[in-house]
Amino acid sequence: MRLTPGTPLPVGMMRDEGAPAEAVGRLAMAGGLAQLEWSDMSVAQGWRVDPLLYPPLPGLHAARGRHFEGLHGFLADSPPDA
């Protein structure tokens, strides 16, 4: 299954195995590249999921290339295999 272009997909992060994932942003495909938007809480808390390439700043952060099928490198190993 592929994400339909423009359809947002929530992005969560588990910081503790015993707790549910926390919403850190959303992701959508546009022009073959993933567009990441950090949640307001991620920006306010300064959560640094990938601080060098995609700091927790407002706005859209496009993947830097078509490697990993257009996903951000730190997200490339996160989708299910099937």
PDB file of N, CA and C in Angstrom:
ATOM      1  N   MET A   1       0.847  -1.187   0.000  1.00  0.00           N
ATOM      2  CA  MET A   1       0.000   0.000   0.000  1.00  0.00           C
ATOM      3  C   MET A   1       0.881   1.235   0.000  1.00  0.00           C
ATOM      4  N   ARG A   2       0.533   2.187  -0.814  1.00  0.00           N
ATOM      5  CA  ARG A   2       1.280   3.442  -0.866  1.00  0.00           C
ATOM      6  C   ARG A   2       0.387   4.573  -0.373  1.00  0.00           C
ATOM      7  N   LEU A   3       1.005   5.540   0.253  1.00  0.00           N
ATOM      8  CA  LEU A   3       0.283   6.724   0.716  1.00  0.00           C
ATOM      9  C   LEU A   3      -0.149   7.535  -0.499  1.00  0.00           C
ATOM     10  N   THR A   4      -1.405   7.856  -0.567  1.00  0.00           N
ATOM     11  CA  THR A   4      -1.918   8.665  -1.660  1.00  0.00           C
ATOM     12  C   THR A   4      -1.335  10.070  -1.562  1.00  0.00           C
ATOM     13  N   PRO A   5      -0.850  10.642  -2.672  1.00  0.00           N
ATOM     14  CA  PRO A   5      -0.292  11.987  -2.610  1.00  0.00           C
ATOM     15  C   PRO A   5      -1.270  12.962  -1.954  1.00  0.00           C
ATOM     16  N   GLY A   6      -0.749  13.705  -0.999  1.00  0.00           N
ATOM     17  CA  GLY A   6      -1.559  14.705  -0.310  1.00  0.00           C
ATOM     18  C   GLY A   6      -2.303  14.180   0.908  1.00  0.00           C
ATOM     19  N   THR A   7      -2.364  12.849   1.083  1.00  0.00           N
ATOM     20  CA  THR A   7      -3.056  12.285   2.239  1.00  0.00           C
ATOM     21  C   THR A   7      -2.122  12.300   3.441  1.00  0.00           C
ATOM     22  N   PRO A   8      -2.435  13.065   4.495  1.00  0.00           N
ATOM     23  CA  PRO A   8      -1.518  13.109   5.635  1.00  0.00           C
ATOM     24  C   PRO A   8      -1.521  11.819   6.442  1.00  0.00           C
ATOM     25  N   LEU A   9      -0.357  11.458   6.908  1.00  0.00           N
ATOM     26  CA  LEU A   9      -0.157  10.272   7.726  1.00  0.00           C
ATOM     27  C   LEU A   9       0.441  10.734   9.048  1.00  0.00           C
ATOM     28  N   PRO A  10      -0.194  10.401  10.179  1.00  0.00           N
ATOM     29  CA  PRO A  10       0.381  10.831  11.457  1.00  0.00           C
ATOM     30  C   PRO A  10       1.718  10.137  11.729  1.00  0.00           C
ATOM     31  N   VAL A  11       2.628  10.866  12.331  1.00  0.00           N
ATOM     32  CA  VAL A  11       3.934  10.334  12.700  1.00  0.00           C
ATOM     33  C   VAL A  11       4.020  10.361  14.223  1.00  0.00           C
ATOM     34  N   GLY A  12       4.295   9.204  14.804  1.00  0.00           N
ATOM     35  CA  GLY A  12       4.400   9.118  16.256  1.00  0.00           C
ATOM     36  C   GLY A  12       5.776   8.630  16.672  1.00  0.00           C
ATOM     37  N   MET A  13       6.101   8.886  17.930  1.00  0.00           N
ATOM     38  CA  MET A  13       7.387   8.470  18.469  1.00  0.00           C
ATOM     39  C   MET A  13       7.161   7.856  19.846  1.00  0.00           C
ATOM     40  N   MET A  14       7.738   6.685  20.052  1.00  0.00           N
ATOM     41  CA  MET A  14       7.673   6.049  21.369  1.00  0.00           C
ATOM     42  C   MET A  14       8.956   6.390  22.117  1.00  0.00           C
ATOM     43  N   ARG A  15       8.809   7.108  23.215  1.00  0.00           N
ATOM     44  CA  ARG A  15       9.977   7.456  24.023  1.00  0.00           C
ATOM     45  C   ARG A  15      10.131   6.507  25.196  1.00  0.00           C
ATOM     46  N   ASP A  16       9.090   5.704  25.456  1.00  0.00           N
ATOM     47  CA  ASP A  16       9.103   4.731  26.543  1.00  0.00           C
ATOM     48  C   ASP A  16       8.300   3.525  26.068  1.00  0.00           C
ATOM     49  N   GLU A  17       8.861   2.338  26.156  1.00  0.00           N
ATOM     50  CA  GLU A  17       8.175   1.145  25.660  1.00  0.00           C
ATOM     51  C   GLU A  17       6.837   0.904  26.338  1.00  0.00           C
ATOM     52  N   GLY A  18       6.659   1.368  27.549  1.00  0.00           N
ATOM     53  CA  GLY A  18       5.418   1.155  28.273  1.00  0.00           C
ATOM     54  C   GLY A  18       4.359   2.196  27.999  1.00  0.00           C
ATOM     55  N   ALA A  19       4.676   3.201  27.225  1.00  0.00           N
ATOM     56  CA  ALA A  19       3.736   4.288  26.946  1.00  0.00           C
ATOM     57  C   ALA A  19       3.347   4.283  25.470  1.00  0.00           C
ATOM     58  N   PRO A  20       2.177   4.822  25.154  1.00  0.00           N
ATOM     59  CA  PRO A  20       1.788   4.900  23.736  1.00  0.00           C
ATOM     60  C   PRO A  20       2.663   5.905  22.984  1.00  0.00           C
ATOM     61  N   ALA A  21       2.668   5.779  21.686  1.00  0.00           N
ATOM     62  CA  ALA A  21       3.422   6.719  20.848  1.00  0.00           C
ATOM     63  C   ALA A  21       2.832   8.112  20.981  1.00  0.00           C
ATOM     64  N   GLU A  22       3.707   9.102  20.957  1.00  0.00           N
ATOM     65  CA  GLU A  22       3.281  10.494  21.018  1.00  0.00           C
ATOM     66  C   GLU A  22       3.307  11.071  19.602  1.00  0.00           C
ATOM     67  N   ALA A  23       2.282  11.850  19.268  1.00  0.00           N
ATOM     68  CA  ALA A  23       2.223  12.462  17.943  1.00  0.00           C
ATOM     69  C   ALA A  23       3.313  13.526  17.833  1.00  0.00           C
ATOM     70  N   VAL A  24       4.197  13.365  16.843  1.00  0.00           N
ATOM     71  CA  VAL A  24       5.265  14.343  16.657  1.00  0.00           C
ATOM     72  C   VAL A  24       5.132  15.109  15.346  1.00  0.00           C
ATOM     73  N   GLY A  25       4.224  14.669  14.483  1.00  0.00           N
ATOM     74  CA  GLY A  25       4.047  15.384  13.227  1.00  0.00           C
ATOM     75  C   GLY A  25       3.156  14.616  12.279  1.00  0.00           C
ATOM     76  N   ARG A  26       3.187  15.033  11.026  1.00  0.00           N
ATOM     77  CA  ARG A  26       2.452  14.324   9.983  1.00  0.00           C
ATOM     78  C   ARG A  26       3.257  14.385   8.704  1.00  0.00           C
ATOM     79  N   LEU A  27       2.956  13.441   7.824  1.00  0.00           N
ATOM     80  CA  LEU A  27       3.727  13.230   6.611  1.00  0.00           C
ATOM     81  C   LEU A  27       2.777  13.084   5.437  1.00  0.00           C
ATOM     82  N   ALA A  28       3.132  13.647   4.298  1.00  0.00           N
ATOM     83  CA  ALA A  28       2.348  13.477   3.076  1.00  0.00           C
ATOM     84  C   ALA A  28       3.308  13.474   1.891  1.00  0.00           C
ATOM     85  N   MET A  29       2.912  12.777   0.838  1.00  0.00           N
ATOM     86  CA  MET A  29       3.720  12.735  -0.376  1.00  0.00           C
ATOM     87  C   MET A  29       3.268  13.834  -1.328  1.00  0.00           C
ATOM     88  N   ALA A  30       4.226  14.483  -1.955  1.00  0.00           N
ATOM     89  CA  ALA A  30       3.942  15.515  -2.952  1.00  0.00           C
ATOM     90  C   ALA A  30       5.082  15.504  -3.965  1.00  0.00           C
ATOM     91  N   GLY A  31       4.759  15.243  -5.204  1.00  0.00           N
ATOM     92  CA  GLY A  31       5.772  15.226  -6.250  1.00  0.00           C
ATOM     93  C   GLY A  31       6.835  14.166  -6.058  1.00  0.00           C
ATOM     94  N   GLY A  32       6.474  13.048  -5.425  1.00  0.00           N
ATOM     95  CA  GLY A  32       7.417  11.963  -5.219  1.00  0.00           C
ATOM     96  C   GLY A  32       8.312  12.124  -4.009  1.00  0.00           C
ATOM     97  N   LEU A  33       8.157  13.213  -3.256  1.00  0.00           N
ATOM     98  CA  LEU A  33       8.943  13.437  -2.053  1.00  0.00           C
ATOM     99  C   LEU A  33       8.021  13.570  -0.853  1.00  0.00           C
ATOM    100  N   ALA A  34       8.441  13.003   0.263  1.00  0.00           N
ATOM    101  CA  ALA A  34       7.674  13.136   1.500  1.00  0.00           C
ATOM    102  C   ALA A  34       7.842  14.550   2.046  1.00  0.00           C
ATOM    103  N   GLN A  35       6.760  15.088   2.539  1.00  0.00           N
ATOM    104  CA  GLN A  35       6.751  16.392   3.185  1.00  0.00           C
ATOM    105  C   GLN A  35       6.422  16.164   4.653  1.00  0.00           C
ATOM    106  N   LEU A  36       7.287  16.595   5.534  1.00  0.00           N
ATOM    107  CA  LEU A  36       7.112  16.403   6.971  1.00  0.00           C
ATOM    108  C   LEU A  36       6.733  17.722   7.614  1.00  0.00           C
ATOM    109  N   GLU A  37       5.742  17.684   8.483  1.00  0.00           N
ATOM    110  CA  GLU A  37       5.365  18.862   9.260  1.00  0.00           C
ATOM    111  C   GLU A  37       5.351  18.461  10.731  1.00  0.00           C
ATOM    112  N   TRP A  38       6.229  19.061  11.519  1.00  0.00           N
ATOM    113  CA  TRP A  38       6.271  18.764  12.947  1.00  0.00           C
ATOM    114  C   TRP A  38       5.014  19.300  13.627  1.00  0.00           C
ATOM    115  N   SER A  39       4.553  18.603  14.657  1.00  0.00           N
ATOM    116  CA  SER A  39       3.395  19.066  15.426  1.00  0.00           C
ATOM    117  C   SER A  39       3.791  20.300  16.238  1.00  0.00           C
ATOM    118  N   ASP A  40       2.789  21.083  16.621  1.00  0.00           N
ATOM    119  CA  ASP A  40       3.049  22.266  17.447  1.00  0.00           C
ATOM    120  C   ASP A  40       3.746  21.869  18.745  1.00  0.00           C
ATOM    121  N   MET A  41       3.346  20.723  19.319  1.00  0.00           N
ATOM    122  CA  MET A  41       3.949  20.270  20.563  1.00  0.00           C
ATOM    123  C   MET A  41       5.426  19.919  20.356  1.00  0.00           C
ATOM    124  N   SER A  42       5.749  19.282  19.242  1.00  0.00           N
ATOM    125  CA  SER A  42       7.150  18.932  18.960  1.00  0.00           C
ATOM    126  C   SER A  42       8.007  20.181  18.847  1.00  0.00           C
ATOM    127  N   VAL A  43       7.459  21.190  18.185  1.00  0.00           N
ATOM    128  CA  VAL A  43       8.189  22.444  18.025  1.00  0.00           C
ATOM    129  C   VAL A  43       8.354  23.118  19.382  1.00  0.00           C
ATOM    130  N   ALA A  44       7.270  23.197  20.169  1.00  0.00           N
ATOM    131  CA  ALA A  44       7.310  23.856  21.477  1.00  0.00           C
ATOM    132  C   ALA A  44       8.260  23.144  22.438  1.00  0.00           C
ATOM    133  N   GLN A  45       8.242  21.802  22.410  1.00  0.00           N
ATOM    134  CA  GLN A  45       9.098  21.017  23.303  1.00  0.00           C
ATOM    135  C   GLN A  45      10.541  20.933  22.796  1.00  0.00           C
ATOM    136  N   GLY A  46      10.743  21.247  21.525  1.00  0.00           N
ATOM    137  CA  GLY A  46      12.075  21.164  20.943  1.00  0.00           C
ATOM    138  C   GLY A  46      12.575  19.739  20.775  1.00  0.00           C
ATOM    139  N   TRP A  47      11.635  18.779  20.573  1.00  0.00           N
ATOM    140  CA  TRP A  47      12.023  17.388  20.403  1.00  0.00           C
ATOM    141  C   TRP A  47      12.888  17.249  19.165  1.00  0.00           C
ATOM    142  N   ARG A  48      14.048  16.718  19.316  1.00  0.00           N
ATOM    143  CA  ARG A  48      15.012  16.617  18.228  1.00  0.00           C
ATOM    144  C   ARG A  48      15.082  15.189  17.706  1.00  0.00           C
ATOM    145  N   VAL A  49      14.144  14.853  16.835  1.00  0.00           N
ATOM    146  CA  VAL A  49      14.112  13.518  16.242  1.00  0.00           C
ATOM    147  C   VAL A  49      15.256  13.372  15.242  1.00  0.00           C
ATOM    148  N   ASP A  50      15.477  14.375  14.416  1.00  0.00           N
ATOM    149  CA  ASP A  50      16.590  14.421  13.470  1.00  0.00           C
ATOM    150  C   ASP A  50      17.076  15.867  13.419  1.00  0.00           C
ATOM    151  N   PRO A  51      17.854  16.299  14.423  1.00  0.00           N
ATOM    152  CA  PRO A  51      18.197  17.706  14.564  1.00  0.00           C
ATOM    153  C   PRO A  51      19.091  18.274  13.478  1.00  0.00           C
ATOM    154  N   LEU A  52      19.920  17.455  12.843  1.00  0.00           N
ATOM    155  CA  LEU A  52      20.836  17.987  11.840  1.00  0.00           C
ATOM    156  C   LEU A  52      20.139  18.338  10.530  1.00  0.00           C
ATOM    157  N   LEU A  53      19.276  17.457  10.056  1.00  0.00           N
ATOM    158  CA  LEU A  53      18.643  17.675   8.755  1.00  0.00           C
ATOM    159  C   LEU A  53      17.234  18.236   8.853  1.00  0.00           C
ATOM    160  N   TYR A  54      16.499  17.859   9.908  1.00  0.00           N
ATOM    161  CA  TYR A  54      15.099  18.275  10.024  1.00  0.00           C
ATOM    162  C   TYR A  54      14.824  18.756  11.443  1.00  0.00           C
ATOM    163  N   PRO A  55      15.315  19.938  11.817  1.00  0.00           N
ATOM    164  CA  PRO A  55      15.111  20.442  13.172  1.00  0.00           C
ATOM    165  C   PRO A  55      13.629  20.701  13.447  1.00  0.00           C
ATOM    166  N   PRO A  56      13.239  20.734  14.717  1.00  0.00           N
ATOM    167  CA  PRO A  56      11.833  20.945  15.070  1.00  0.00           C
ATOM    168  C   PRO A  56      11.412  22.401  14.863  1.00  0.00           C
ATOM    169  N   LEU A  57      11.212  22.770  13.623  1.00  0.00           N
ATOM    170  CA  LEU A  57      10.796  24.123  13.260  1.00  0.00           C
ATOM    171  C   LEU A  57       9.459  24.049  12.532  1.00  0.00           C
ATOM    172  N   PRO A  58       8.648  25.102  12.620  1.00  0.00           N
ATOM    173  CA  PRO A  58       7.367  25.096  11.900  1.00  0.00           C
ATOM    174  C   PRO A  58       7.576  25.038  10.384  1.00  0.00           C
ATOM    175  N   GLY A  59       6.538  24.620   9.685  1.00  0.00           N
ATOM    176  CA  GLY A  59       6.574  24.574   8.228  1.00  0.00           C
ATOM    177  C   GLY A  59       6.813  23.172   7.708  1.00  0.00           C
ATOM    178  N   LEU A  60       6.866  23.067   6.392  1.00  0.00           N
ATOM    179  CA  LEU A  60       7.084  21.780   5.738  1.00  0.00           C
ATOM    180  C   LEU A  60       8.566  21.532   5.526  1.00  0.00           C
ATOM    181  N   HIS A  61       8.967  20.293   5.740  1.00  0.00           N
ATOM    182  CA  HIS A  61      10.349  19.885   5.540  1.00  0.00           C
ATOM    183  C   HIS A  61      10.346  18.751   4.521  1.00  0.00           C
ATOM    184  N   ALA A  62      10.740  19.059   3.303  1.00  0.00           N
ATOM    185  CA  ALA A  62      10.758  18.054   2.240  1.00  0.00           C
ATOM    186  C   ALA A  62      11.941  17.117   2.426  1.00  0.00           C
ATOM    187  N   ALA A  63      11.747  15.848   2.068  1.00  0.00           N
ATOM    188  CA  ALA A  63      12.862  14.901   2.051  1.00  0.00           C
ATOM    189  C   ALA A  63      13.926  15.445   1.109  1.00  0.00           C
ATOM    190  N   ARG A  64      15.162  15.138   1.375  1.00  0.00           N
ATOM    191  CA  ARG A  64      16.263  15.740   0.630  1.00  0.00           C
ATOM    192  C   ARG A  64      16.605  15.023  -0.673  1.00  0.00           C
ATOM    193  N   GLY A  65      15.854  14.006  -1.022  1.00  0.00           N
ATOM    194  CA  GLY A  65      16.116  13.301  -2.275  1.00  0.00           C
ATOM    195  C   GLY A  65      15.171  12.133  -2.437  1.00  0.00           C
ATOM    196  N   ARG A  66      15.329  11.432  -3.524  1.00  0.00           N
ATOM    197  CA  ARG A  66      14.448  10.305  -3.817  1.00  0.00           C
ATOM    198  C   ARG A  66      14.998   8.980  -3.292  1.00  0.00           C
ATOM    199  N   HIS A  67      16.096   9.058  -2.550  1.00  0.00           N
ATOM    200  CA  HIS A  67      16.581   7.854  -1.873  1.00  0.00           C
ATOM    201  C   HIS A  67      15.465   7.402  -0.941  1.00  0.00           C
ATOM    202  N   PHE A  68      15.429   6.162  -0.615  1.00  0.00           N
ATOM    203  CA  PHE A  68      14.426   5.623   0.309  1.00  0.00           C
ATOM    204  C   PHE A  68      13.000   5.865  -0.191  1.00  0.00           C
ATOM    205  N   GLU A  69      12.806   5.808  -1.511  1.00  0.00           N
ATOM    206  CA  GLU A  69      11.491   6.012  -2.133  1.00  0.00           C
ATOM    207  C   GLU A  69      10.877   7.354  -1.781  1.00  0.00           C
ATOM    208  N   GLY A  70      11.709   8.367  -1.614  1.00  0.00           N
ATOM    209  CA  GLY A  70      11.233   9.722  -1.357  1.00  0.00           C
ATOM    210  C   GLY A  70      10.961  10.035   0.096  1.00  0.00           C
ATOM    211  N   LEU A  71      11.266   9.099   0.996  1.00  0.00           N
ATOM    212  CA  LEU A  71      11.067   9.347   2.428  1.00  0.00           C
ATOM    213  C   LEU A  71      12.292  10.017   3.039  1.00  0.00           C
ATOM    214  N   HIS A  72      12.086  10.631   4.180  1.00  0.00           N
ATOM    215  CA  HIS A  72      13.198  11.155   4.973  1.00  0.00           C
ATOM    216  C   HIS A  72      14.009   9.958   5.464  1.00  0.00           C
ATOM    217  N   GLY A  73      15.316  10.093   5.503  1.00  0.00           N
ATOM    218  CA  GLY A  73      16.177   8.988   5.882  1.00  0.00           C
ATOM    219  C   GLY A  73      15.830   8.366   7.220  1.00  0.00           C
ATOM    220  N   PHE A  74      15.509   9.180   8.217  1.00  0.00           N
ATOM    221  CA  PHE A  74      15.228   8.633   9.546  1.00  0.00           C
ATOM    222  C   PHE A  74      13.883   7.914   9.601  1.00  0.00           C
ATOM    223  N   LEU A  75      13.040   8.089   8.597  1.00  0.00           N
ATOM    224  CA  LEU A  75      11.743   7.407   8.532  1.00  0.00           C
ATOM    225  C   LEU A  75      11.760   6.194   7.605  1.00  0.00           C
ATOM    226  N   ALA A  76      12.808   6.049   6.834  1.00  0.00           N
ATOM    227  CA  ALA A  76      12.828   5.018   5.781  1.00  0.00           C
ATOM    228  C   ALA A  76      12.675   3.603   6.298  1.00  0.00           C
ATOM    229  N   ASP A  77      13.131   3.315   7.492  1.00  0.00           N
ATOM    230  CA  ASP A  77      13.033   1.948   8.016  1.00  0.00           C
ATOM    231  C   ASP A  77      11.795   1.755   8.893  1.00  0.00           C
ATOM    232  N   SER A  78      10.934   2.747   8.963  1.00  0.00           N
ATOM    233  CA  SER A  78       9.763   2.692   9.837  1.00  0.00           C
ATOM    234  C   SER A  78       8.523   2.039   9.230  1.00  0.00           C
ATOM    235  N   PRO A  79       8.291   2.128   7.908  1.00  0.00           N
ATOM    236  CA  PRO A  79       7.079   1.529   7.351  1.00  0.00           C
ATOM    237  C   PRO A  79       7.076   0.001   7.478  1.00  0.00           C
ATOM    238  N   PRO A  80       5.885  -0.602   7.490  1.00  0.00           N
ATOM    239  CA  PRO A  80       5.816  -2.064   7.496  1.00  0.00           C
ATOM    240  C   PRO A  80       6.429  -2.643   6.233  1.00  0.00           C
ATOM    241  N   ASP A  81       6.909  -3.867   6.320  1.00  0.00           N
ATOM    242  CA  ASP A  81       7.569  -4.497   5.171  1.00  0.00           C
ATOM    243  C   ASP A  81       6.590  -4.945   4.093  1.00  0.00           C
ATOM    244  N   ALA A  82       5.362  -5.226   4.444  1.00  0.00           N
ATOM    245  CA  ALA A  82       4.405  -5.747   3.466  1.00  0.00           C
ATOM    246  C   ALA A  82       3.568  -4.661   2.858  1.00  0.00           C
TER     247      ALA A  82
END
